[in-house]
């Protein structure tokens, strides 16, 4: 049996990232894989909304055809 791990939210109508494990290859702890086709993401500072470099804590912002549109 092959088990896949992914990440998604209600607002994204399903997954935004999916892990593609190779047979015999160790999985990366804490990872949900790579973004699915058509989805873009970035991590921003919650106070300034500025883009953060890798390995920083912030808010996930995603866009793509599966993301629910909001009203401002």
PDB file of N, CA and C in Angstrom:
ATOM      1  N   UNK A   1       0.847  -1.177   0.000  1.00  0.00           N
ATOM      2  CA  UNK A   1       0.000   0.000   0.000  1.00  0.00           C
ATOM      3  C   UNK A   1       0.892   1.241   0.000  1.00  0.00           C
ATOM      4  N   UNK A   2       0.561   2.212  -0.819  1.00  0.00           N
ATOM      5  CA  UNK A   2       1.307   3.449  -0.917  1.00  0.00           C
ATOM      6  C   UNK A   2       0.488   4.569  -0.307  1.00  0.00           C
ATOM      7  N   UNK A   3       1.086   5.327   0.593  1.00  0.00           N
ATOM      8  CA  UNK A   3       0.410   6.409   1.286  1.00  0.00           C
ATOM      9  C   UNK A   3       1.004   7.742   0.858  1.00  0.00           C
ATOM     10  N   UNK A   4       0.162   8.665   0.442  1.00  0.00           N
ATOM     11  CA  UNK A   4       0.598  10.005   0.053  1.00  0.00           C
ATOM     12  C   UNK A   4       0.172  11.009   1.112  1.00  0.00           C
ATOM     13  N   UNK A   5       0.997  12.017   1.304  1.00  0.00           N
ATOM     14  CA  UNK A   5       0.662  13.082   2.250  1.00  0.00           C
ATOM     15  C   UNK A   5       0.570  14.386   1.477  1.00  0.00           C
ATOM     16  N   UNK A   6      -0.429  15.180   1.802  1.00  0.00           N
ATOM     17  CA  UNK A   6      -0.605  16.452   1.129  1.00  0.00           C
ATOM     18  C   UNK A   6      -1.096  17.508   2.093  1.00  0.00           C
ATOM     19  N   UNK A   7      -1.305  18.710   1.570  1.00  0.00           N
ATOM     20  CA  UNK A   7      -1.782  19.824   2.381  1.00  0.00           C
ATOM     21  C   UNK A   7      -2.838  20.571   1.586  1.00  0.00           C
ATOM     22  N   UNK A   8      -3.888  20.953   2.253  1.00  0.00           N
ATOM     23  CA  UNK A   8      -4.942  21.731   1.618  1.00  0.00           C
ATOM     24  C   UNK A   8      -5.778  22.437   2.670  1.00  0.00           C
ATOM     25  N   UNK A   9      -6.661  23.294   2.215  1.00  0.00           N
ATOM     26  CA  UNK A   9      -7.554  24.039   3.102  1.00  0.00           C
ATOM     27  C   UNK A   9      -8.933  24.077   2.457  1.00  0.00           C
ATOM     28  N   UNK A  10      -9.941  24.388   3.234  1.00  0.00           N
ATOM     29  CA  UNK A  10     -11.290  24.515   2.698  1.00  0.00           C
ATOM     30  C   UNK A  10     -11.315  25.530   1.559  1.00  0.00           C
ATOM     31  N   UNK A  11     -10.622  26.644   1.729  1.00  0.00           N
ATOM     32  CA  UNK A  11     -10.621  27.720   0.734  1.00  0.00           C
ATOM     33  C   UNK A  11      -9.953  27.332  -0.578  1.00  0.00           C
ATOM     34  N   UNK A  12      -9.153  26.256  -0.562  1.00  0.00           N
ATOM     35  CA  UNK A  12      -8.474  25.838  -1.786  1.00  0.00           C
ATOM     36  C   UNK A  12      -9.199  24.699  -2.489  1.00  0.00           C
ATOM     37  N   UNK A  13     -10.352  24.321  -1.990  1.00  0.00           N
ATOM     38  CA  UNK A  13     -11.149  23.251  -2.603  1.00  0.00           C
ATOM     39  C   UNK A  13     -10.315  21.991  -2.828  1.00  0.00           C
ATOM     40  N   UNK A  14      -9.500  21.668  -1.878  1.00  0.00           N
ATOM     41  CA  UNK A  14      -8.675  20.457  -1.985  1.00  0.00           C
ATOM     42  C   UNK A  14      -7.215  20.743  -1.692  1.00  0.00           C
ATOM     43  N   UNK A  15      -6.337  20.007  -2.360  1.00  0.00           N
ATOM     44  CA  UNK A  15      -4.909  20.090  -2.050  1.00  0.00           C
ATOM     45  C   UNK A  15      -4.217  21.252  -2.750  1.00  0.00           C
ATOM     46  N   UNK A  16      -3.142  21.737  -2.113  1.00  0.00           N
ATOM     47  CA  UNK A  16      -2.265  22.706  -2.763  1.00  0.00           C
ATOM     48  C   UNK A  16      -0.853  22.145  -2.903  1.00  0.00           C
ATOM     49  N   UNK A  17      -0.520  21.146  -2.081  1.00  0.00           N
ATOM     50  CA  UNK A  17       0.776  20.487  -2.235  1.00  0.00           C
ATOM     51  C   UNK A  17       0.616  18.999  -1.977  1.00  0.00           C
ATOM     52  N   UNK A  18       1.508  18.224  -2.596  1.00  0.00           N
ATOM     53  CA  UNK A  18       1.422  16.779  -2.499  1.00  0.00           C
ATOM     54  C   UNK A  18       2.819  16.189  -2.482  1.00  0.00           C
ATOM     55  N   UNK A  19       3.007  15.217  -1.599  1.00  0.00           N
ATOM     56  CA  UNK A  19       4.282  14.525  -1.498  1.00  0.00           C
ATOM     57  C   UNK A  19       4.292  13.367  -2.494  1.00  0.00           C
ATOM     58  N   UNK A  20       5.355  13.240  -3.249  1.00  0.00           N
ATOM     59  CA  UNK A  20       5.510  12.160  -4.216  1.00  0.00           C
ATOM     60  C   UNK A  20       6.664  11.265  -3.769  1.00  0.00           C
ATOM     61  N   UNK A  21       6.399  10.340  -2.848  1.00  0.00           N
ATOM     62  CA  UNK A  21       7.494   9.512  -2.342  1.00  0.00           C
ATOM     63  C   UNK A  21       7.983   8.508  -3.380  1.00  0.00           C
ATOM     64  N   UNK A  22       9.305   8.406  -3.497  1.00  0.00           N
ATOM     65  CA  UNK A  22       9.910   7.410  -4.368  1.00  0.00           C
ATOM     66  C   UNK A  22      10.068   6.128  -3.571  1.00  0.00           C
ATOM     67  N   UNK A  23       9.877   5.016  -4.202  1.00  0.00           N
ATOM     68  CA  UNK A  23      10.007   3.736  -3.524  1.00  0.00           C
ATOM     69  C   UNK A  23      11.428   3.585  -2.983  1.00  0.00           C
ATOM     70  N   UNK A  24      11.527   3.297  -1.685  1.00  0.00           N
ATOM     71  CA  UNK A  24      12.819   3.102  -1.050  1.00  0.00           C
ATOM     72  C   UNK A  24      13.504   4.386  -0.598  1.00  0.00           C
ATOM     73  N   UNK A  25      12.891   5.534  -0.846  1.00  0.00           N
ATOM     74  CA  UNK A  25      13.498   6.811  -0.471  1.00  0.00           C
ATOM     75  C   UNK A  25      12.877   7.317   0.826  1.00  0.00           C
ATOM     76  N   UNK A  26      13.707   7.825   1.726  1.00  0.00           N
ATOM     77  CA  UNK A  26      13.214   8.349   2.999  1.00  0.00           C
ATOM     78  C   UNK A  26      12.378   9.602   2.767  1.00  0.00           C
ATOM     79  N   UNK A  27      11.340   9.771   3.567  1.00  0.00           N
ATOM     80  CA  UNK A  27      10.499  10.965   3.485  1.00  0.00           C
ATOM     81  C   UNK A  27      11.101  12.069   4.328  1.00  0.00           C
ATOM     82  N   UNK A  28      10.810  13.308   3.956  1.00  0.00           N
ATOM     83  CA  UNK A  28      11.309  14.456   4.697  1.00  0.00           C
ATOM     84  C   UNK A  28      10.302  14.815   5.788  1.00  0.00           C
ATOM     85  N   UNK A  29      10.726  14.736   7.042  1.00  0.00           N
ATOM     86  CA  UNK A  29       9.847  15.023   8.172  1.00  0.00           C
ATOM     87  C   UNK A  29       9.326  16.451   8.099  1.00  0.00           C
ATOM     88  N   UNK A  30       8.021  16.623   8.271  1.00  0.00           N
ATOM     89  CA  UNK A  30       7.403  17.947   8.289  1.00  0.00           C
ATOM     90  C   UNK A  30       7.095  18.523   6.925  1.00  0.00           C
ATOM     91  N   UNK A  31       7.369  17.779   5.864  1.00  0.00           N
ATOM     92  CA  UNK A  31       7.120  18.275   4.516  1.00  0.00           C
ATOM     93  C   UNK A  31       5.803  17.724   3.981  1.00  0.00           C
ATOM     94  N   UNK A  32       5.111  18.534   3.208  1.00  0.00           N
ATOM     95  CA  UNK A  32       3.928  18.042   2.513  1.00  0.00           C
ATOM     96  C   UNK A  32       4.186  18.003   1.015  1.00  0.00           C
ATOM     97  N   UNK A  33       5.433  18.040   0.628  1.00  0.00           N
ATOM     98  CA  UNK A  33       5.791  17.888  -0.775  1.00  0.00           C
ATOM     99  C   UNK A  33       5.870  19.197  -1.526  1.00  0.00           C
ATOM    100  N   UNK A  34       5.581  19.113  -2.832  1.00  0.00           N
ATOM    101  CA  UNK A  34       5.681  20.267  -3.706  1.00  0.00           C
ATOM    102  C   UNK A  34       4.290  20.753  -4.108  1.00  0.00           C
ATOM    103  N   UNK A  35       4.225  21.980  -4.576  1.00  0.00           N
ATOM    104  CA  UNK A  35       2.947  22.550  -5.005  1.00  0.00           C
ATOM    105  C   UNK A  35       2.407  21.782  -6.202  1.00  0.00           C
ATOM    106  N   UNK A  36       1.104  21.619  -6.244  1.00  0.00           N
ATOM    107  CA  UNK A  36       0.479  20.958  -7.386  1.00  0.00           C
ATOM    108  C   UNK A  36       0.453  21.930  -8.566  1.00  0.00           C
ATOM    109  N   UNK A  37       0.255  21.403  -9.747  1.00  0.00           N
ATOM    110  CA  UNK A  37       0.260  22.191 -10.970  1.00  0.00           C
ATOM    111  C   UNK A  37      -0.751  23.341 -10.915  1.00  0.00           C
ATOM    112  N   UNK A  38      -0.313  24.538 -11.313  1.00  0.00           N
ATOM    113  CA  UNK A  38      -1.198  25.702 -11.371  1.00  0.00           C
ATOM    114  C   UNK A  38      -1.316  26.492 -10.088  1.00  0.00           C
ATOM    115  N   UNK A  39      -0.649  26.060  -9.019  1.00  0.00           N
ATOM    116  CA  UNK A  39      -0.745  26.746  -7.727  1.00  0.00           C
ATOM    117  C   UNK A  39       0.569  27.472  -7.435  1.00  0.00           C
ATOM    118  N   UNK A  40       0.470  28.712  -6.977  1.00  0.00           N
ATOM    119  CA  UNK A  40       1.626  29.498  -6.542  1.00  0.00           C
ATOM    120  C   UNK A  40       1.455  29.787  -5.062  1.00  0.00           C
ATOM    121  N   UNK A  41       2.567  29.866  -4.335  1.00  0.00           N
ATOM    122  CA  UNK A  41       2.499  30.128  -2.897  1.00  0.00           C
ATOM    123  C   UNK A  41       3.698  30.956  -2.448  1.00  0.00           C
ATOM    124  N   UNK A  42       3.501  31.669  -1.359  1.00  0.00           N
ATOM    125  CA  UNK A  42       4.596  32.394  -0.717  1.00  0.00           C
ATOM    126  C   UNK A  42       4.292  32.485   0.771  1.00  0.00           C
ATOM    127  N   UNK A  43       5.308  32.741   1.550  1.00  0.00           N
ATOM    128  CA  UNK A  43       5.167  32.935   2.991  1.00  0.00           C
ATOM    129  C   UNK A  43       5.437  34.408   3.273  1.00  0.00           C
ATOM    130  N   UNK A  44       4.521  35.059   3.997  1.00  0.00           N
ATOM    131  CA  UNK A  44       4.668  36.483   4.298  1.00  0.00           C
ATOM    132  C   UNK A  44       4.645  36.713   5.805  1.00  0.00           C
ATOM    133  N   UNK A  45       5.256  37.810   6.217  1.00  0.00           N
ATOM    134  CA  UNK A  45       5.213  38.246   7.614  1.00  0.00           C
ATOM    135  C   UNK A  45       3.780  38.676   7.920  1.00  0.00           C
ATOM    136  N   UNK A  46       3.223  38.229   9.043  1.00  0.00           N
ATOM    137  CA  UNK A  46       1.812  38.504   9.331  1.00  0.00           C
ATOM    138  C   UNK A  46       1.540  39.971   9.657  1.00  0.00           C
ATOM    139  N   UNK A  47       2.566  40.722  10.050  1.00  0.00           N
ATOM    140  CA  UNK A  47       2.356  42.145  10.368  1.00  0.00           C
ATOM    141  C   UNK A  47       2.605  43.048   9.173  1.00  0.00           C
ATOM    142  N   UNK A  48       3.675  42.774   8.410  1.00  0.00           N
ATOM    143  CA  UNK A  48       4.045  43.658   7.305  1.00  0.00           C
ATOM    144  C   UNK A  48       3.577  43.163   5.943  1.00  0.00           C
ATOM    145  N   UNK A  49       3.186  41.889   5.846  1.00  0.00           N
ATOM    146  CA  UNK A  49       2.793  41.227   4.606  1.00  0.00           C
ATOM    147  C   UNK A  49       3.924  41.187   3.573  1.00  0.00           C
ATOM    148  N   UNK A  50       5.176  41.334   4.037  1.00  0.00           N
ATOM    149  CA  UNK A  50       6.333  41.246   3.148  1.00  0.00           C
ATOM    150  C   UNK A  50       6.787  39.801   3.036  1.00  0.00           C
ATOM    151  N   UNK A  51       7.265  39.452   1.846  1.00  0.00           N
ATOM    152  CA  UNK A  51       7.748  38.107   1.547  1.00  0.00           C
ATOM    153  C   UNK A  51       8.893  37.731   2.486  1.00  0.00           C
ATOM    154  N   UNK A  52       8.874  36.493   3.004  1.00  0.00           N
ATOM    155  CA  UNK A  52       9.914  36.014   3.910  1.00  0.00           C
ATOM    156  C   UNK A  52      10.831  35.021   3.203  1.00  0.00           C
ATOM    157  N   UNK A  53      12.111  34.974   3.611  1.00  0.00           N
ATOM    158  CA  UNK A  53      13.037  33.989   3.047  1.00  0.00           C
ATOM    159  C   UNK A  53      12.729  32.598   3.590  1.00  0.00           C
ATOM    160  N   UNK A  54      13.364  31.559   3.040  1.00  0.00           N
ATOM    161  CA  UNK A  54      13.125  30.187   3.510  1.00  0.00           C
ATOM    162  C   UNK A  54      13.373  30.003   5.001  1.00  0.00           C
ATOM    163  N   UNK A  55      12.663  29.041   5.576  1.00  0.00           N
ATOM    164  CA  UNK A  55      12.807  28.634   6.987  1.00  0.00           C
ATOM    165  C   UNK A  55      12.389  29.706   7.986  1.00  0.00           C
ATOM    166  N   UNK A  56      11.454  30.559   7.608  1.00  0.00           N
ATOM    167  CA  UNK A  56      10.919  31.577   8.506  1.00  0.00           C
ATOM    168  C   UNK A  56       9.445  31.278   8.765  1.00  0.00           C
ATOM    169  N   UNK A  57       8.962  31.671   9.929  1.00  0.00           N
ATOM    170  CA  UNK A  57       7.566  31.458  10.284  1.00  0.00           C
ATOM    171  C   UNK A  57       6.737  32.637   9.788  1.00  0.00           C
ATOM    172  N   UNK A  58       5.628  32.345   9.125  1.00  0.00           N
ATOM    173  CA  UNK A  58       4.753  33.387   8.620  1.00  0.00           C
ATOM    174  C   UNK A  58       3.437  32.801   8.154  1.00  0.00           C
ATOM    175  N   UNK A  59       2.723  33.573   7.360  1.00  0.00           N
ATOM    176  CA  UNK A  59       1.419  33.149   6.837  1.00  0.00           C
ATOM    177  C   UNK A  59       1.584  32.645   5.405  1.00  0.00           C
ATOM    178  N   UNK A  60       0.902  31.540   5.085  1.00  0.00           N
ATOM    179  CA  UNK A  60       0.941  30.983   3.739  1.00  0.00           C
ATOM    180  C   UNK A  60      -0.071  31.720   2.879  1.00  0.00           C
ATOM    181  N   UNK A  61       0.374  32.243   1.749  1.00  0.00           N
ATOM    182  CA  UNK A  61      -0.519  32.872   0.772  1.00  0.00           C
ATOM    183  C   UNK A  61      -0.448  32.058  -0.506  1.00  0.00           C
ATOM    184  N   UNK A  62      -1.603  31.634  -1.006  1.00  0.00           N
ATOM    185  CA  UNK A  62      -1.645  30.827  -2.226  1.00  0.00           C
ATOM    186  C   UNK A  62      -2.602  31.429  -3.233  1.00  0.00           C
ATOM    187  N   UNK A  63      -2.330  31.143  -4.515  1.00  0.00           N
ATOM    188  CA  UNK A  63      -3.273  31.508  -5.568  1.00  0.00           C
ATOM    189  C   UNK A  63      -3.220  30.443  -6.645  1.00  0.00           C
ATOM    190  N   UNK A  64      -4.344  30.261  -7.274  1.00  0.00           N
ATOM    191  CA  UNK A  64      -4.465  29.262  -8.323  1.00  0.00           C
ATOM    192  C   UNK A  64      -5.922  29.075  -8.695  1.00  0.00           C
ATOM    193  N   UNK A  65      -6.175  28.244  -9.689  1.00  0.00           N
ATOM    194  CA  UNK A  65      -7.546  28.056 -10.161  1.00  0.00           C
ATOM    195  C   UNK A  65      -8.469  27.380  -9.163  1.00  0.00           C
ATOM    196  N   UNK A  66      -7.901  26.733  -8.158  1.00  0.00           N
ATOM    197  CA  UNK A  66      -8.716  26.022  -7.166  1.00  0.00           C
ATOM    198  C   UNK A  66      -8.968  26.855  -5.907  1.00  0.00           C
ATOM    199  N   UNK A  67      -8.468  28.083  -5.851  1.00  0.00           N
ATOM    200  CA  UNK A  67      -8.596  28.911  -4.649  1.00  0.00           C
ATOM    201  C   UNK A  67      -9.858  29.762  -4.729  1.00  0.00           C
ATOM    202  N   UNK A  68     -10.649  29.727  -3.649  1.00  0.00           N
ATOM    203  CA  UNK A  68     -11.899  30.490  -3.589  1.00  0.00           C
ATOM    204  C   UNK A  68     -11.606  31.984  -3.658  1.00  0.00           C
ATOM    205  N   UNK A  69     -12.390  32.715  -4.419  1.00  0.00           N
ATOM    206  CA  UNK A  69     -12.223  34.171  -4.482  1.00  0.00           C
ATOM    207  C   UNK A  69     -12.874  34.829  -3.284  1.00  0.00           C
ATOM    208  N   UNK A  70     -12.180  35.805  -2.724  1.00  0.00           N
ATOM    209  CA  UNK A  70     -12.720  36.538  -1.583  1.00  0.00           C
ATOM    210  C   UNK A  70     -13.123  37.938  -1.996  1.00  0.00           C
ATOM    211  N   UNK A  71     -13.813  38.622  -1.097  1.00  0.00           N
ATOM    212  CA  UNK A  71     -14.214  39.998  -1.364  1.00  0.00           C
ATOM    213  C   UNK A  71     -13.455  40.910  -0.406  1.00  0.00           C
ATOM    214  N   UNK A  72     -12.986  42.005  -0.933  1.00  0.00           N
ATOM    215  CA  UNK A  72     -12.244  42.975  -0.113  1.00  0.00           C
ATOM    216  C   UNK A  72     -13.152  44.105   0.281  1.00  0.00           C
TER     217      UNK A  72
END
